[in-house]
Amino acid sequence: MFRFMPATVALLIVVIPVSAQTADEIIAKYVKTIGGAERIQAIKTLRRAGKIIVGPGFEMTVLEENKRPNLVRRNMSMQGMTAVNAYDGQTGWKIEPWTARSA
């Protein structure tokens, strides 16, 4: 078993650098695979929804909506309360009911 160890290590030293890709290469390949940058730029709205689970009994749902050029709205709901963070490209605002204040 120990006879093959140096050969295996030498092979890994040669193979790993050859197969490595940069982040830019990976991103370029992905963009090409999904249809190119023009197709990505054609998307005008994006909606993402998810859930954050911190521990037993603590769960928060999150909904984020983006619209070009720079509109953003994020709703976070927890224990019957909904917080809102929004940005219209110039002004941002938020409502956080669990802090009993808005800004």
N, C-alpha and C. Protein backbone atom coordinates (compact mmCIF):
# COMPACT_ATOMS: atom_id res chain seq x y z
N MET A 1 0.82 -1.19 0.00
CA MET A 1 0.00 0.00 0.00
C MET A 1 0.86 1.25 0.00
N PHE A 2 1.94 1.25 0.76
CA PHE A 2 2.80 2.42 0.84
C PHE A 2 3.61 2.62 -0.44
N ARG A 3 3.74 1.58 -1.26
CA ARG A 3 4.45 1.72 -2.52
C ARG A 3 3.69 2.63 -3.49
N PHE A 4 2.36 2.60 -3.42
CA PHE A 4 1.55 3.36 -4.34
C PHE A 4 1.32 4.80 -3.89
N MET A 5 1.60 5.10 -2.66
CA MET A 5 1.36 6.44 -2.11
C MET A 5 2.14 7.53 -2.85
N PRO A 6 3.43 7.40 -3.08
CA PRO A 6 4.15 8.45 -3.81
C PRO A 6 3.62 8.65 -5.24
N ALA A 7 3.25 7.56 -5.89
CA ALA A 7 2.71 7.68 -7.25
C ALA A 7 1.37 8.40 -7.23
N THR A 8 0.53 8.11 -6.26
CA THR A 8 -0.77 8.75 -6.15
C THR A 8 -0.62 10.25 -5.87
N VAL A 9 0.26 10.60 -4.96
CA VAL A 9 0.50 12.00 -4.63
C VAL A 9 1.03 12.75 -5.85
N ALA A 10 1.96 12.15 -6.58
CA ALA A 10 2.52 12.78 -7.78
C ALA A 10 1.44 12.99 -8.83
N LEU A 11 0.57 12.02 -9.00
CA LEU A 11 -0.52 12.13 -9.97
C LEU A 11 -1.48 13.25 -9.58
N LEU A 12 -1.81 13.37 -8.31
CA LEU A 12 -2.70 14.44 -7.85
C LEU A 12 -2.08 15.81 -8.04
N ILE A 13 -0.79 15.92 -7.81
CA ILE A 13 -0.10 17.21 -7.99
C ILE A 13 -0.15 17.65 -9.44
N VAL A 14 -0.10 16.72 -10.36
CA VAL A 14 -0.14 17.04 -11.79
C VAL A 14 -1.57 17.30 -12.26
N VAL A 15 -2.53 16.51 -11.83
CA VAL A 15 -3.90 16.56 -12.35
C VAL A 15 -4.69 17.74 -11.78
N ILE A 16 -4.58 18.05 -10.51
CA ILE A 16 -5.40 19.10 -9.90
C ILE A 16 -5.19 20.46 -10.54
N PRO A 17 -3.97 20.96 -10.76
CA PRO A 17 -3.83 22.27 -11.39
C PRO A 17 -4.36 22.31 -12.83
N VAL A 18 -4.27 21.21 -13.56
CA VAL A 18 -4.73 21.18 -14.94
C VAL A 18 -6.24 21.35 -15.02
N SER A 19 -6.99 20.78 -14.08
CA SER A 19 -8.44 20.82 -14.15
C SER A 19 -9.04 22.04 -13.45
N ALA A 20 -8.24 22.87 -12.82
CA ALA A 20 -8.77 24.03 -12.09
C ALA A 20 -9.28 25.08 -13.07
N GLN A 21 -10.41 25.70 -12.72
CA GLN A 21 -10.99 26.78 -13.50
C GLN A 21 -11.08 28.02 -12.63
N THR A 22 -11.00 29.17 -13.26
CA THR A 22 -11.18 30.40 -12.50
C THR A 22 -12.67 30.67 -12.35
N ALA A 23 -13.01 31.54 -11.42
CA ALA A 23 -14.41 31.92 -11.22
C ALA A 23 -14.97 32.58 -12.48
N ASP A 24 -14.17 33.39 -13.14
CA ASP A 24 -14.63 34.05 -14.37
C ASP A 24 -14.95 33.03 -15.46
N GLU A 25 -14.16 31.98 -15.57
CA GLU A 25 -14.43 30.95 -16.57
C GLU A 25 -15.72 30.20 -16.26
N ILE A 26 -15.95 29.91 -15.00
CA ILE A 26 -17.17 29.21 -14.60
C ILE A 26 -18.39 30.08 -14.88
N ILE A 27 -18.32 31.36 -14.53
CA ILE A 27 -19.45 32.27 -14.77
C ILE A 27 -19.71 32.43 -16.27
N ALA A 28 -18.66 32.60 -17.06
CA ALA A 28 -18.82 32.74 -18.51
C ALA A 28 -19.48 31.51 -19.11
N LYS A 29 -19.09 30.35 -18.66
CA LYS A 29 -19.68 29.11 -19.17
C LYS A 29 -21.16 29.03 -18.78
N TYR A 30 -21.50 29.41 -17.57
CA TYR A 30 -22.89 29.39 -17.11
C TYR A 30 -23.74 30.37 -17.91
N VAL A 31 -23.24 31.59 -18.11
CA VAL A 31 -23.99 32.60 -18.87
C VAL A 31 -24.24 32.10 -20.29
N LYS A 32 -23.25 31.49 -20.90
CA LYS A 32 -23.41 30.95 -22.25
C LYS A 32 -24.44 29.82 -22.26
N THR A 33 -24.42 28.97 -21.24
CA THR A 33 -25.34 27.84 -21.16
C THR A 33 -26.80 28.29 -21.06
N ILE A 34 -27.07 29.37 -20.33
CA ILE A 34 -28.46 29.80 -20.16
C ILE A 34 -28.93 30.76 -21.24
N GLY A 35 -28.11 31.01 -22.25
CA GLY A 35 -28.58 31.79 -23.38
C GLY A 35 -27.87 33.10 -23.62
N GLY A 36 -26.91 33.44 -22.82
CA GLY A 36 -26.12 34.64 -23.04
C GLY A 36 -26.56 35.82 -22.20
N ALA A 37 -25.72 36.85 -22.21
CA ALA A 37 -25.97 38.05 -21.40
C ALA A 37 -27.22 38.79 -21.85
N GLU A 38 -27.53 38.75 -23.16
CA GLU A 38 -28.72 39.44 -23.65
C GLU A 38 -29.99 38.85 -23.04
N ARG A 39 -30.01 37.56 -22.89
CA ARG A 39 -31.19 36.91 -22.30
C ARG A 39 -31.32 37.29 -20.82
N ILE A 40 -30.21 37.39 -20.13
CA ILE A 40 -30.25 37.80 -18.72
C ILE A 40 -30.75 39.24 -18.62
N GLN A 41 -30.26 40.13 -19.49
CA GLN A 41 -30.67 41.54 -19.46
C GLN A 41 -32.14 41.70 -19.82
N ALA A 42 -32.73 40.75 -20.54
CA ALA A 42 -34.14 40.83 -20.91
C ALA A 42 -35.07 40.59 -19.72
N ILE A 43 -34.55 40.02 -18.65
CA ILE A 43 -35.37 39.78 -17.46
C ILE A 43 -35.60 41.11 -16.76
N LYS A 44 -36.86 41.45 -16.53
CA LYS A 44 -37.20 42.74 -15.91
C LYS A 44 -37.57 42.61 -14.44
N THR A 45 -38.09 41.46 -14.03
CA THR A 45 -38.47 41.28 -12.64
C THR A 45 -37.94 39.95 -12.11
N LEU A 46 -37.75 39.92 -10.81
CA LEU A 46 -37.24 38.71 -10.15
C LEU A 46 -37.94 38.60 -8.80
N ARG A 47 -38.46 37.43 -8.51
CA ARG A 47 -39.11 37.18 -7.22
C ARG A 47 -38.47 35.94 -6.60
N ARG A 48 -38.05 36.10 -5.34
CA ARG A 48 -37.45 34.99 -4.61
C ARG A 48 -38.19 34.84 -3.29
N ALA A 49 -38.46 33.62 -2.92
CA ALA A 49 -39.14 33.35 -1.66
C ALA A 49 -38.36 32.27 -0.92
N GLY A 50 -38.37 32.38 0.39
CA GLY A 50 -37.66 31.38 1.17
C GLY A 50 -38.09 31.40 2.62
N LYS A 51 -37.40 30.60 3.38
CA LYS A 51 -37.72 30.44 4.78
C LYS A 51 -36.43 30.41 5.57
N ILE A 52 -36.42 31.09 6.70
CA ILE A 52 -35.27 31.07 7.60
C ILE A 52 -35.72 30.36 8.87
N ILE A 53 -35.01 29.30 9.23
CA ILE A 53 -35.32 28.57 10.45
C ILE A 53 -34.11 28.69 11.37
N VAL A 54 -34.29 29.40 12.48
CA VAL A 54 -33.19 29.63 13.40
C VAL A 54 -33.15 28.56 14.48
N GLY A 55 -34.29 28.14 14.93
CA GLY A 55 -34.34 27.14 15.97
C GLY A 55 -35.77 26.63 16.11
N PRO A 56 -36.01 25.78 17.07
CA PRO A 56 -37.37 25.27 17.25
C PRO A 56 -38.34 26.42 17.56
N GLY A 57 -39.41 26.48 16.79
CA GLY A 57 -40.43 27.49 17.03
C GLY A 57 -40.12 28.86 16.46
N PHE A 58 -38.98 29.03 15.80
CA PHE A 58 -38.62 30.33 15.22
C PHE A 58 -38.41 30.17 13.73
N GLU A 59 -39.39 30.60 12.97
CA GLU A 59 -39.35 30.49 11.52
C GLU A 59 -39.78 31.81 10.91
N MET A 60 -39.04 32.27 9.91
CA MET A 60 -39.35 33.52 9.25
C MET A 60 -39.46 33.26 7.75
N THR A 61 -40.55 33.74 7.13
CA THR A 61 -40.66 33.63 5.67
C THR A 61 -40.18 34.94 5.06
N VAL A 62 -39.52 34.81 3.93
CA VAL A 62 -38.93 35.97 3.27
C VAL A 62 -39.39 35.98 1.81
N LEU A 63 -39.81 37.15 1.35
CA LEU A 63 -40.16 37.35 -0.05
C LEU A 63 -39.44 38.59 -0.52
N GLU A 64 -38.62 38.43 -1.55
CA GLU A 64 -37.89 39.57 -2.11
C GLU A 64 -38.26 39.73 -3.57
N GLU A 65 -38.60 40.97 -3.95
CA GLU A 65 -38.95 41.27 -5.33
C GLU A 65 -38.04 42.39 -5.83
N ASN A 66 -37.50 42.18 -7.02
CA ASN A 66 -36.65 43.18 -7.66
C ASN A 66 -37.25 43.49 -9.02
N LYS A 67 -37.20 44.76 -9.41
CA LYS A 67 -37.65 45.18 -10.73
C LYS A 67 -36.63 46.16 -11.28
N ARG A 68 -36.25 45.97 -12.53
CA ARG A 68 -35.29 46.87 -13.14
C ARG A 68 -35.88 48.26 -13.27
N PRO A 69 -35.13 49.33 -13.13
CA PRO A 69 -33.68 49.32 -13.00
C PRO A 69 -33.20 49.09 -11.58
N ASN A 70 -33.90 49.57 -10.55
CA ASN A 70 -33.36 49.40 -9.20
C ASN A 70 -34.43 49.48 -8.11
N LEU A 71 -35.55 48.84 -8.34
CA LEU A 71 -36.59 48.77 -7.31
C LEU A 71 -36.43 47.46 -6.54
N VAL A 72 -36.51 47.57 -5.21
CA VAL A 72 -36.35 46.39 -4.36
C VAL A 72 -37.38 46.45 -3.24
N ARG A 73 -37.99 45.32 -2.95
CA ARG A 73 -38.90 45.21 -1.81
C ARG A 73 -38.68 43.84 -1.17
N ARG A 74 -38.53 43.83 0.15
CA ARG A 74 -38.34 42.59 0.90
C ARG A 74 -39.34 42.55 2.04
N ASN A 75 -40.16 41.50 2.07
CA ASN A 75 -41.10 41.27 3.16
C ASN A 75 -40.59 40.09 3.98
N MET A 76 -40.59 40.27 5.30
CA MET A 76 -40.18 39.21 6.21
C MET A 76 -41.28 39.04 7.24
N SER A 77 -41.86 37.84 7.31
CA SER A 77 -42.98 37.58 8.23
C SER A 77 -42.56 36.59 9.30
N MET A 78 -42.94 36.94 10.54
CA MET A 78 -42.61 36.11 11.68
C MET A 78 -43.66 36.32 12.75
N GLN A 79 -44.21 35.25 13.27
CA GLN A 79 -45.17 35.28 14.37
C GLN A 79 -46.31 36.27 14.11
N GLY A 80 -46.84 36.27 12.91
CA GLY A 80 -47.98 37.12 12.56
C GLY A 80 -47.62 38.57 12.25
N MET A 81 -46.36 38.92 12.29
CA MET A 81 -45.93 40.29 11.97
C MET A 81 -45.12 40.28 10.68
N THR A 82 -45.26 41.34 9.89
CA THR A 82 -44.54 41.44 8.63
C THR A 82 -43.71 42.72 8.60
N ALA A 83 -42.43 42.57 8.38
CA ALA A 83 -41.53 43.70 8.22
C ALA A 83 -41.35 43.94 6.72
N VAL A 84 -41.17 45.19 6.34
CA VAL A 84 -40.98 45.55 4.94
C VAL A 84 -39.75 46.45 4.84
N ASN A 85 -38.87 46.11 3.91
CA ASN A 85 -37.75 46.97 3.52
C ASN A 85 -37.93 47.25 2.04
N ALA A 86 -37.86 48.52 1.64
CA ALA A 86 -38.06 48.85 0.23
C ALA A 86 -37.09 49.95 -0.19
N TYR A 87 -36.80 49.96 -1.48
CA TYR A 87 -35.91 50.97 -2.06
C TYR A 87 -36.41 51.25 -3.47
N ASP A 88 -36.60 52.53 -3.79
CA ASP A 88 -37.14 52.90 -5.10
C ASP A 88 -36.08 53.47 -6.05
N GLY A 89 -34.83 53.30 -5.73
CA GLY A 89 -33.76 53.81 -6.56
C GLY A 89 -33.15 55.08 -5.99
N GLN A 90 -33.90 55.79 -5.15
CA GLN A 90 -33.40 57.01 -4.53
C GLN A 90 -33.61 57.01 -3.02
N THR A 91 -34.73 56.46 -2.60
CA THR A 91 -35.09 56.50 -1.18
C THR A 91 -35.42 55.10 -0.69
N GLY A 92 -34.97 54.79 0.51
CA GLY A 92 -35.30 53.53 1.13
C GLY A 92 -36.16 53.76 2.36
N TRP A 93 -36.96 52.78 2.69
CA TRP A 93 -37.78 52.86 3.89
C TRP A 93 -37.99 51.46 4.43
N LYS A 94 -38.38 51.40 5.70
CA LYS A 94 -38.64 50.10 6.30
C LYS A 94 -39.67 50.21 7.41
N ILE A 95 -40.34 49.11 7.63
CA ILE A 95 -41.26 48.96 8.75
C ILE A 95 -40.86 47.68 9.46
N GLU A 96 -40.60 47.79 10.75
CA GLU A 96 -40.23 46.62 11.55
C GLU A 96 -41.15 46.58 12.76
N PRO A 97 -42.25 45.84 12.68
CA PRO A 97 -43.22 45.86 13.77
C PRO A 97 -42.70 45.31 15.09
N TRP A 98 -41.69 44.46 15.07
CA TRP A 98 -41.19 43.91 16.34
C TRP A 98 -40.30 44.89 17.07
N THR A 99 -39.91 46.01 16.43
CA THR A 99 -39.16 47.04 17.14
C THR A 99 -40.04 48.22 17.52
N ALA A 100 -41.32 48.18 17.10
CA ALA A 100 -42.30 49.22 17.41
C ALA A 100 -41.86 50.58 16.90
N ARG A 101 -41.17 50.62 15.74
CA ARG A 101 -40.81 51.88 15.12
C ARG A 101 -40.70 51.68 13.61
N SER A 102 -40.81 52.75 12.86
CA SER A 102 -40.61 52.70 11.42
C SER A 102 -39.68 53.79 11.02
N ALA A 103 -38.95 53.62 9.93
CA ALA A 103 -38.00 54.63 9.48
C ALA A 103 -38.04 54.73 7.98
